[in-house]
Structure formats: structure tokens, C-alpha cells
Protein backbone atom coordinates (compact mmCIF):
# COMPACT_ATOMS: atom_id res chain seq x y z
CA MET A 1 -8.05 -13.31 9.67
CA SER A 2 -10.46 -10.42 10.00
CA ALA A 3 -13.93 -10.99 8.66
CA VAL A 4 -14.77 -9.47 5.31
CA PRO A 5 -16.45 -6.09 5.94
CA LYS A 6 -19.98 -5.53 4.76
CA GLN A 7 -20.27 -3.89 1.37
CA ARG A 8 -21.64 -0.38 1.16
CA ALA A 9 -24.59 0.56 -1.03
CA LYS A 10 -24.73 -1.67 -4.07
CA ARG A 11 -23.09 -0.17 -7.12
CA ARG A 12 -22.51 -1.14 -10.71
CA LYS A 13 -19.54 -3.44 -11.05
CA ALA A 14 -16.62 -2.21 -13.11
CA PRO A 15 -15.82 -4.32 -16.18
CA ALA A 16 -13.27 -7.11 -15.81
CA ARG A 17 -9.71 -6.07 -16.59
CA LYS A 18 -6.67 -8.20 -17.34
CA PRO A 19 -3.76 -7.83 -14.91
CA ARG A 20 -1.88 -4.64 -15.75
CA ALA A 21 1.73 -4.94 -16.83
CA VAL A 22 3.41 -3.76 -13.64
CA PRO A 23 7.10 -4.72 -13.38
CA HIS A 24 7.81 -6.60 -10.19
CA TYR A 25 10.33 -5.39 -7.65
CA GLY A 26 11.17 -7.56 -4.66
CA GLN A 27 11.94 -5.90 -1.36
CA THR A 28 15.47 -6.48 -0.09
CA THR A 29 14.72 -5.95 3.61
CA ASP A 30 11.85 -6.95 5.86
CA PHE A 31 10.82 -3.31 6.38
CA THR A 32 10.72 -1.89 2.85
CA CYS A 33 7.50 -3.34 1.43
CA GLY A 34 6.04 0.15 1.04
CA PRO A 35 8.97 1.61 -0.94
CA SER A 36 9.18 -1.56 -3.02
CA SER A 37 5.50 -1.29 -3.87
CA LEU A 38 6.02 2.35 -4.79
CA ILE A 39 8.92 1.40 -7.05
CA MET A 40 6.62 -0.99 -8.91
CA ALA A 41 4.06 1.77 -9.45
CA MET A 42 6.73 4.25 -10.51
CA ARG A 43 8.22 1.85 -13.05
CA ALA A 44 4.79 1.04 -14.48
CA PHE A 45 4.46 4.72 -15.41
CA ARG A 46 8.12 5.44 -16.11
CA PRO A 47 10.06 2.36 -17.25
CA ALA A 48 13.30 4.35 -17.15
CA VAL A 49 13.15 4.54 -13.33
CA LYS A 50 16.21 2.71 -12.02
CA ALA A 51 14.86 0.15 -9.57
CA ASP A 52 17.60 -0.72 -7.14
CA ARG A 53 18.32 -0.97 -3.46
CA ALA A 54 19.56 2.61 -3.27
CA LEU A 55 16.17 3.92 -4.43
CA GLU A 56 14.33 1.44 -2.19
CA LEU A 57 16.21 2.66 0.90
CA GLN A 58 15.96 6.32 -0.05
CA LEU A 59 12.18 6.03 -0.38
CA TRP A 60 12.09 4.27 2.99
CA ARG A 61 14.20 7.02 4.54
CA GLU A 62 11.67 9.58 3.31
CA ALA A 63 8.51 7.68 4.22
CA ASN A 64 9.15 5.61 7.35
CA THR A 65 7.50 6.13 10.71
CA ILE A 66 10.68 5.35 12.75
CA PHE A 67 8.79 2.83 14.88
CA MET A 68 6.15 0.32 13.87
CA GLY A 69 5.41 -3.06 15.31
CA PRO A 70 6.11 -4.82 18.60
CA SER A 71 9.71 -5.79 17.77
CA GLY A 72 10.95 -2.22 18.08
CA GLY A 73 13.06 -2.67 14.93
CA HIS A 74 13.10 -0.53 11.82
CA GLY A 75 9.71 1.01 11.19
CA GLY A 76 7.67 0.50 8.07
CA CYS A 77 6.19 3.29 5.98
CA GLY A 78 2.95 5.18 6.39
CA ALA A 79 0.49 6.02 3.64
CA LEU A 80 1.15 9.76 3.82
CA GLY A 81 4.91 9.27 3.71
CA LEU A 82 4.65 7.08 0.60
CA ALA A 83 2.36 9.60 -1.09
CA LEU A 84 4.79 12.41 -0.37
CA ALA A 85 7.76 10.43 -1.68
CA ALA A 86 5.91 9.81 -4.95
CA HIS A 87 4.77 13.44 -5.16
CA ARG A 88 8.35 14.70 -4.81
CA ARG A 89 9.19 12.71 -7.95
CA GLY A 90 6.39 14.20 -9.99
CA PHE A 91 3.76 11.48 -9.62
CA GLY A 92 0.16 12.18 -8.76
CA THR A 93 -0.98 10.75 -5.43
CA GLU A 94 -4.11 10.45 -3.34
CA VAL A 95 -4.51 8.92 0.13
CA HIS A 96 -7.46 7.03 1.62
CA LEU A 97 -7.50 6.19 5.35
CA ASN A 98 -10.41 4.75 7.30
CA HIS A 99 -9.69 6.70 10.50
CA ARG A 100 -7.99 9.89 11.64
CA GLY A 101 -5.77 8.32 14.29
CA VAL A 102 -2.18 7.14 13.96
CA LEU A 103 -2.01 4.47 11.27
CA LEU A 104 -0.89 1.22 12.91
CA GLY A 105 -0.08 3.16 16.07
CA ASP A 106 -1.37 0.32 18.23
CA ARG A 107 1.46 -1.85 16.98
CA ALA A 108 4.11 0.32 18.65
CA GLU A 109 5.58 -1.34 21.74
CA SER A 110 5.15 1.73 23.94
CA LYS A 111 3.13 4.91 24.24
CA GLU A 112 6.31 6.93 23.73
CA ARG A 113 6.96 5.29 20.38
CA ALA A 114 3.33 5.67 19.36
CA GLU A 115 3.65 9.39 20.14
CA ILE A 116 6.67 9.67 17.85
CA MET A 117 4.62 8.04 15.10
CA ARG A 118 1.83 10.55 15.77
CA VAL A 119 4.19 13.53 15.46
CA LEU A 120 5.54 12.24 12.16
CA GLN A 121 2.08 11.54 10.78
CA GLU A 122 0.89 15.04 11.70
CA ARG A 123 3.94 16.51 10.00
CA ASP A 124 3.31 14.41 6.87
CA LEU A 125 -0.36 15.40 6.84
CA LYS A 126 0.55 19.08 6.99
CA GLU A 127 3.02 18.66 4.12
CA ALA A 128 0.52 16.66 2.07
CA ARG A 129 -2.13 19.36 2.45
CA ALA A 130 0.38 22.05 1.49
CA ALA A 131 1.30 20.03 -1.61
CA GLY A 132 -2.34 19.64 -2.60
CA ILE A 133 -2.40 15.86 -2.12
CA PRO A 134 -6.00 14.76 -1.51
CA VAL A 135 -6.43 12.92 1.80
CA HIS A 136 -9.77 11.14 2.28
CA TYR A 137 -11.07 9.46 5.42
CA ASP A 138 -12.98 6.54 3.94
CA SER A 139 -12.55 2.93 2.79
CA LEU A 140 -12.17 1.95 -0.83
CA GLU A 141 -14.02 -1.18 -1.90
CA ILE A 142 -13.12 -3.59 -4.70
CA ASP A 143 -15.12 -1.74 -7.33
CA ASP A 144 -13.40 1.49 -6.28
CA PHE A 145 -10.05 -0.15 -7.00
CA ALA A 146 -11.33 -1.31 -10.39
CA ALA A 147 -12.50 2.20 -11.18
CA ALA A 148 -9.17 3.68 -10.12
CA LEU A 149 -7.31 1.24 -12.34
CA GLY A 150 -9.61 2.09 -15.21
CA ALA A 151 -8.84 5.77 -14.69
CA GLY A 152 -5.10 5.10 -14.90
CA ALA A 153 -4.11 4.92 -11.23
CA LEU A 154 -2.29 2.15 -9.37
CA PRO A 155 -3.39 1.43 -5.77
CA ILE A 156 -0.80 0.62 -3.12
CA VAL A 157 -2.79 -1.08 -0.37
CA LEU A 158 -2.19 -1.92 3.28
CA ASN A 159 -2.76 -5.62 3.96
CA ASN A 160 -2.21 -8.51 6.32
CA MET A 161 0.51 -10.92 5.16
CA GLU A 162 -1.26 -13.90 6.70
CA PHE A 163 -3.35 -14.69 3.63
CA LEU A 164 -0.40 -14.96 1.23
CA HIS A 165 2.47 -15.74 3.62
CA ASN A 166 0.98 -17.15 6.84
CA ASP A 167 2.51 -14.23 8.74
CA PRO A 168 0.19 -11.73 10.51
CA THR A 169 2.36 -8.70 9.72
CA ALA A 170 1.26 -5.37 8.28
CA HIS A 171 2.34 -5.11 4.66
CA TRP A 172 1.91 -3.16 1.42
CA PHE A 173 1.27 -4.50 -2.09
CA VAL A 174 0.13 -3.13 -5.46
CA VAL A 175 -3.29 -3.89 -6.92
CA THR A 176 -2.87 -4.44 -10.67
CA ALA A 177 -6.29 -5.68 -11.84
CA VAL A 178 -9.79 -6.72 -10.83
CA ASP A 179 -12.15 -9.16 -12.52
CA ALA A 180 -15.40 -10.91 -11.62
CA ASP A 181 -13.63 -13.44 -9.39
CA ASN A 182 -10.35 -11.99 -8.14
CA VAL A 183 -8.27 -8.98 -7.26
CA TYR A 184 -4.73 -9.29 -8.65
CA VAL A 185 -1.70 -7.97 -6.80
CA ASN A 186 2.05 -7.63 -7.12
CA ASP A 187 3.48 -8.54 -3.72
CA PRO A 188 7.03 -7.29 -3.03
CA TRP A 189 7.77 -10.07 -0.53
CA VAL A 190 9.46 -12.95 -2.35
CA ASP A 191 10.15 -15.80 0.07
CA ARG A 192 13.19 -17.34 -1.58
CA ALA A 193 13.68 -19.67 1.39
CA LYS A 194 10.46 -21.34 0.22
CA GLY A 195 11.53 -21.40 -3.40
CA LYS A 196 9.54 -18.35 -4.50
CA ARG A 197 10.60 -16.17 -7.43
CA PRO A 198 9.43 -12.70 -8.52
CA GLY A 199 7.14 -14.24 -11.12
CA ASP A 200 5.33 -16.14 -8.37
CA MET A 201 4.42 -12.86 -6.68
CA THR A 202 3.35 -11.02 -9.84
CA GLY A 203 -0.36 -10.82 -10.62
CA VAL A 204 -1.26 -12.99 -7.62
CA PRO A 205 -5.03 -13.61 -7.51
CA ILE A 206 -6.91 -12.99 -4.26
CA PRO A 207 -10.59 -14.04 -4.34
CA ARG A 208 -12.98 -11.10 -4.11
CA ALA A 209 -14.65 -12.78 -1.13
CA ASP A 210 -11.35 -12.68 0.81
CA PHE A 211 -9.98 -9.33 -0.27
CA GLY A 212 -11.81 -7.20 2.28
CA GLY A 213 -10.40 -9.26 5.14
CA VAL A 214 -6.91 -9.30 3.67
CA THR A 215 -6.87 -5.51 3.41
CA SER A 216 -8.24 -4.61 6.85
CA TYR A 217 -5.53 -4.91 9.47
CA GLY A 218 -5.74 -5.80 13.14
CA LYS A 219 -8.45 -5.45 15.76
CA LYS A 220 -9.30 -1.96 14.54
CA ARG A 221 -9.60 -3.20 10.96
CA GLU A 222 -7.37 -0.42 9.72
CA ARG A 223 -7.43 0.26 6.00
CA ALA A 224 -5.18 2.49 3.91
CA THR A 225 -4.58 3.05 0.21
CA VAL A 226 -2.24 5.29 -1.77
CA LEU A 227 -3.35 5.89 -5.35
CA VAL A 228 -0.41 6.68 -7.64
CA ARG A 229 -0.85 8.34 -11.03
CA ARG A 230 1.51 9.12 -13.88
CA HIS A 231 1.53 12.87 -13.30
CA ALA A 232 0.90 15.18 -10.37
CA ALA A 233 -2.11 17.46 -10.71
CA ARG A 234 -1.32 20.92 -12.02
């Protein structure tokens, strides 16, 4: 696992919050963790949202990067694509990335596939700017997540599956609460082969001391967050 990054200037800690009631949705494929996380956020704000595989795959179709990862299989979703998919449905979104390059582009198995990812990301960035979606090049820390939750947002956060699943794959989950000891997440991956159930992956505690490492991916320590809010800014 990556080492926990150093904290920035010391700031006042946000008050402890109980895990937010965020309905769990388990991904039905190995490449739809991003859409499944977005479904959880959408349902937290709008319980009437019909959470099913059709929505999961439609969100993936809108937000995927075509290629991602060394296997060359179906690509996962980028932060900008997820933000745009939420925005199209009337939710407020905000993106935080810790670099301006292609998110997870180093995982592509060839330069040609990385270039395709770059073209798509540039297109998504242009659309996000036109839609007025804020895009920040920075890294959110634990207290930033607590503050966002307190302000009514739900963070969808890039992470490394190794901590929770012993699998060093790029992944997305939803942060639902922060307290003095832990960050709580809803993880869309439910490993039924190991006897897991949705309840096991709801409000999962990750120690604060580990969270920075869990949410910085790969040698470049890439970090990405999509903040989802009930309504788009007017």
C-alpha cells in the first residue's frame, strides 16, 4: 500500500458525525464501481431513483474511459465522466483531481489506449466547464470530506481495493461519515464468493491513519473525488 501522505497545514477538525443513511447498491459487473457509487449518492438524495442494472450500465456508458487497466477489458469511469452523468440528472457536482494529466492513464496497456483516454478526458473537461461544474486540481483531506458531508454533499472517492479486498485495483466508493477514529464508506463491491452481503459493505470503517494511503492510487499516488449534491447550482 502507498504510504499515508503528509497532512497539510493543521486545521480545526470537523465534529464527529454518525454514518449517513446512504442506501447500498452493489455493482453487478467488475467495471461499474463508479456508476454504482453514483447510484448510492443519487438515491441518498432522491429515494425514488430506480436503482437497477439498466441505470448502472447507462451511467457506465456515459462515464467510461473505454480503456483502463492492463487487462484491456472494459474500462472503468473517470471522475469527470461521473460528474457529468450526475449533472445531466440535475444533481450538483464538483471534481477534485491532484494532477492535470490523464487519470489512471498509466494503467492503460499501450500508449495508443492511453491517448484515447486522454481524448475522452479532454472532451469531458470541456463539457464540464461549459456546464459550470467546478474542477479543482488539489487533494481533499479527511477534514475536507467531513466538511463536505456537513455541507450536504456526498464524496465519491477513488481508492485502492487492496485495503478492503486484498486486490490492488483502482476502485470507487462513497464516503458517508467521518469521526475521530474512522472514515466510513459504502463500498459497491460485494464479494459474495466470500460470503459478503450488502450490509457488510455499508458504513465500513477505515481508520483515519490508513485512509490517505487507501485513497491515493499507484506509483503516482493519484487522487480523485467527485462531490455530489442534491441540486445543481443555478
